[in-house]
Amino acid sequence: QVQLVESGGGVVQAGGSLRLSCAASRSIFTIYVFNWYRQAPGMERELVAGITRGGSINYADSVKGRFTISTDNTWNTVDLQMNSLIPEDTGVYYCNARLLHRSDSWGQGTQVTVSS
């Protein structure tokens, strides 16, 4: 199956920026959707942003205008540029890939902490 590895998390002050990256291992299985999820302690995992090979992009209302999701040309990597960060953005961010004819793949998660 496809393996996903996130990177780029860290601690940043409110108003700062971080760029998360998710690298997918080469596979014969085709990724047709990349998603970024996040989960704060004691809360449900929520969808932050998603992008499809058909060109559709969606964001959670709470991050619209601040976050940008993008992929490389070969769809081996998905990034999440996070600007104007606020403490409510704190959580573990997970990369998710939806595959043709296979179950979804998930990364291990990367911690993002925004201090006030």
C-alpha atoms as a PDB file:
ATOM      1  CA  GLN A   1       0.000   0.000   0.000  1.00  0.00           C
ATOM      2  CA  VAL A   2       0.961   3.670  -0.280  1.00  0.00           C
ATOM      3  CA  GLN A   3       2.876   5.010   2.723  1.00  0.00           C
ATOM      4  CA  LEU A   4       2.525   8.656   3.747  1.00  0.00           C
ATOM      5  CA  VAL A   5       5.016  10.649   5.817  1.00  0.00           C
ATOM      6  CA  GLU A   6       4.247  14.157   7.091  1.00  0.00           C
ATOM      7  CA  SER A   7       6.823  16.795   7.956  1.00  0.00           C
ATOM      8  CA  GLY A   8       7.018  20.503   8.722  1.00  0.00           C
ATOM      9  CA  GLY A   9       5.176  20.704  12.022  1.00  0.00           C
ATOM     10  CA  GLY A  10       6.470  22.703  14.945  1.00  0.00           C
ATOM     11  CA  VAL A  11       5.789  25.509  17.383  1.00  0.00           C
ATOM     12  CA  VAL A  12       4.953  28.970  16.090  1.00  0.00           C
ATOM     13  CA  GLN A  13       3.533  32.169  17.553  1.00  0.00           C
ATOM     14  CA  ALA A  14       0.114  33.417  16.537  1.00  0.00           C
ATOM     15  CA  GLY A  15       0.292  35.230  13.231  1.00  0.00           C
ATOM     16  CA  GLY A  16       3.147  33.084  11.987  1.00  0.00           C
ATOM     17  CA  SER A  17       3.307  30.530   9.193  1.00  0.00           C
ATOM     18  CA  LEU A  18       4.159  26.874   8.691  1.00  0.00           C
ATOM     19  CA  ARG A  19       4.305  24.673   5.621  1.00  0.00           C
ATOM     20  CA  LEU A  20       3.426  21.004   6.035  1.00  0.00           C
ATOM     21  CA  SER A  21       4.492  18.391   3.512  1.00  0.00           C
ATOM     22  CA  CYS A  22       3.315  14.839   2.956  1.00  0.00           C
ATOM     23  CA  ALA A  23       5.378  12.467   0.833  1.00  0.00           C
ATOM     24  CA  ALA A  24       3.788   9.378  -0.699  1.00  0.00           C
ATOM     25  CA  SER A  25       5.884   6.355  -1.591  1.00  0.00           C
ATOM     26  CA  ARG A  26       5.831   5.177  -5.168  1.00  0.00           C
ATOM     27  CA  SER A  27       3.034   2.763  -5.811  1.00  0.00           C
ATOM     28  CA  ILE A  28       1.126   1.116  -8.615  1.00  0.00           C
ATOM     29  CA  PHE A  29      -2.028   2.384  -6.940  1.00  0.00           C
ATOM     30  CA  THR A  30      -3.354   5.748  -8.088  1.00  0.00           C
ATOM     31  CA  ILE A  31      -4.089   8.529  -5.628  1.00  0.00           C
ATOM     32  CA  TYR A  32      -7.082  10.552  -6.722  1.00  0.00           C
ATOM     33  CA  VAL A  33      -7.690  12.628  -3.579  1.00  0.00           C
ATOM     34  CA  PHE A  34      -5.316  14.135  -1.010  1.00  0.00           C
ATOM     35  CA  ASN A  35      -6.735  15.435   2.270  1.00  0.00           C
ATOM     36  CA  TRP A  36      -5.332  17.121   5.344  1.00  0.00           C
ATOM     37  CA  TYR A  37      -7.038  16.392   8.652  1.00  0.00           C
ATOM     38  CA  ARG A  38      -6.272  17.684  12.116  1.00  0.00           C
ATOM     39  CA  GLN A  39      -7.151  16.577  15.630  1.00  0.00           C
ATOM     40  CA  ALA A  40      -6.918  18.505  18.869  1.00  0.00           C
ATOM     41  CA  PRO A  41      -6.674  16.652  22.208  1.00  0.00           C
ATOM     42  CA  GLY A  42     -10.035  15.222  23.226  1.00  0.00           C
ATOM     43  CA  MET A  43     -11.701  16.273  19.973  1.00  0.00           C
ATOM     44  CA  GLU A  44     -12.732  14.516  16.774  1.00  0.00           C
ATOM     45  CA  ARG A  45     -10.518  14.510  13.735  1.00  0.00           C
ATOM     46  CA  GLU A  46     -11.703  17.134  11.256  1.00  0.00           C
ATOM     47  CA  LEU A  47     -11.128  17.692   7.564  1.00  0.00           C
ATOM     48  CA  VAL A  48      -9.040  20.810   6.969  1.00  0.00           C
ATOM     49  CA  ALA A  49      -8.457  20.760   3.214  1.00  0.00           C
ATOM     50  CA  GLY A  50      -8.793  18.445   0.246  1.00  0.00           C
ATOM     51  CA  ILE A  51      -7.717  18.358  -3.382  1.00  0.00           C
ATOM     52  CA  THR A  52      -8.718  16.010  -6.210  1.00  0.00           C
ATOM     53  CA  ARG A  53      -7.034  15.080  -9.482  1.00  0.00           C
ATOM     54  CA  GLY A  54     -10.057  16.597 -11.192  1.00  0.00           C
ATOM     55  CA  GLY A  55      -9.063  20.006  -9.855  1.00  0.00           C
ATOM     56  CA  SER A  56     -11.528  20.408  -7.016  1.00  0.00           C
ATOM     57  CA  ILE A  57     -10.245  22.033  -3.805  1.00  0.00           C
ATOM     58  CA  ASN A  58     -12.130  22.531  -0.582  1.00  0.00           C
ATOM     59  CA  TYR A  59     -11.291  24.012   2.813  1.00  0.00           C
ATOM     60  CA  ALA A  60     -12.872  24.052   6.205  1.00  0.00           C
ATOM     61  CA  ASP A  61     -14.544  27.394   6.847  1.00  0.00           C
ATOM     62  CA  SER A  62     -12.190  28.033   9.755  1.00  0.00           C
ATOM     63  CA  VAL A  63      -9.104  28.044   7.509  1.00  0.00           C
ATOM     64  CA  LYS A  64     -10.381  29.618   4.292  1.00  0.00           C
ATOM     65  CA  GLY A  65      -8.177  32.482   3.199  1.00  0.00           C
ATOM     66  CA  ARG A  66      -5.336  31.351   5.468  1.00  0.00           C
ATOM     67  CA  PHE A  67      -4.437  27.810   4.328  1.00  0.00           C
ATOM     68  CA  THR A  68      -3.528  26.601   0.840  1.00  0.00           C
ATOM     69  CA  ILE A  69      -3.339  22.973  -0.278  1.00  0.00           C
ATOM     70  CA  SER A  70      -1.263  21.971  -3.302  1.00  0.00           C
ATOM     71  CA  THR A  71       0.303  18.931  -4.975  1.00  0.00           C
ATOM     72  CA  ASP A  72       3.335  18.349  -7.129  1.00  0.00           C
ATOM     73  CA  ASN A  73       2.900  17.484 -10.801  1.00  0.00           C
ATOM     74  CA  THR A  74       3.224  13.739 -10.235  1.00  0.00           C
ATOM     75  CA  TRP A  75       0.960  13.661  -7.196  1.00  0.00           C
ATOM     76  CA  ASN A  76       3.698  12.209  -5.008  1.00  0.00           C
ATOM     77  CA  THR A  77       3.538  15.083  -2.533  1.00  0.00           C
ATOM     78  CA  VAL A  78       0.838  17.254  -1.009  1.00  0.00           C
ATOM     79  CA  ASP A  79       1.604  20.442   0.920  1.00  0.00           C
ATOM     80  CA  LEU A  80      -0.406  22.611   3.256  1.00  0.00           C
ATOM     81  CA  GLN A  81       0.725  26.222   3.521  1.00  0.00           C
ATOM     82  CA  MET A  82      -0.618  27.692   6.752  1.00  0.00           C
ATOM     83  CA  ASN A  83      -0.538  31.463   7.228  1.00  0.00           C
ATOM     84  CA  SER A  84      -1.887  33.775   9.917  1.00  0.00           C
ATOM     85  CA  LEU A  85      -1.940  30.914  12.383  1.00  0.00           C
ATOM     86  CA  ILE A  86      -4.109  31.156  15.483  1.00  0.00           C
ATOM     87  CA  PRO A  87      -4.103  29.048  18.670  1.00  0.00           C
ATOM     88  CA  GLU A  88      -7.225  27.210  17.471  1.00  0.00           C
ATOM     89  CA  ASP A  89      -5.095  25.704  14.696  1.00  0.00           C
ATOM     90  CA  THR A  90      -3.148  23.690  17.271  1.00  0.00           C
ATOM     91  CA  GLY A  91      -3.365  19.931  16.823  1.00  0.00           C
ATOM     92  CA  VAL A  92      -1.925  16.896  15.122  1.00  0.00           C
ATOM     93  CA  TYR A  93      -2.170  17.180  11.354  1.00  0.00           C
ATOM     94  CA  TYR A  94      -2.620  14.025   9.287  1.00  0.00           C
ATOM     95  CA  CYS A  95      -2.186  13.428   5.590  1.00  0.00           C
ATOM     96  CA  ASN A  96      -4.777  11.196   3.933  1.00  0.00           C
ATOM     97  CA  ALA A  97      -4.807   9.714   0.438  1.00  0.00           C
ATOM     98  CA  ARG A  98      -7.748   8.095  -1.290  1.00  0.00           C
ATOM     99  CA  LEU A  99      -6.719   5.377  -3.733  1.00  0.00           C
ATOM    100  CA  LEU A 100      -8.356   3.713  -6.695  1.00  0.00           C
ATOM    101  CA  HIS A 101      -9.456   0.176  -5.826  1.00  0.00           C
ATOM    102  CA  ARG A 102      -7.756   0.269  -2.410  1.00  0.00           C
ATOM    103  CA  SER A 103      -8.383   1.426   1.151  1.00  0.00           C
ATOM    104  CA  ASP A 104      -7.302   4.925   2.185  1.00  0.00           C
ATOM    105  CA  SER A 105      -3.763   5.579   3.406  1.00  0.00           C
ATOM    106  CA  TRP A 106      -2.923   7.713   6.450  1.00  0.00           C
ATOM    107  CA  GLY A 107       0.265   9.342   7.658  1.00  0.00           C
ATOM    108  CA  GLN A 108       1.584   9.193  11.205  1.00  0.00           C
ATOM    109  CA  GLY A 109       0.740  12.830  11.926  1.00  0.00           C
ATOM    110  CA  THR A 110       2.793  15.918  12.700  1.00  0.00           C
ATOM    111  CA  GLN A 111       2.259  18.231  15.672  1.00  0.00           C
ATOM    112  CA  VAL A 112       1.420  21.895  15.123  1.00  0.00           C
ATOM    113  CA  THR A 113       1.364  24.172  18.148  1.00  0.00           C
ATOM    114  CA  VAL A 114       0.378  27.832  17.898  1.00  0.00           C
ATOM    115  CA  SER A 115       1.081  29.956  20.956  1.00  0.00           C
ATOM    116  CA  SER A 116      -0.652  33.207  21.834  1.00  0.00           C
END
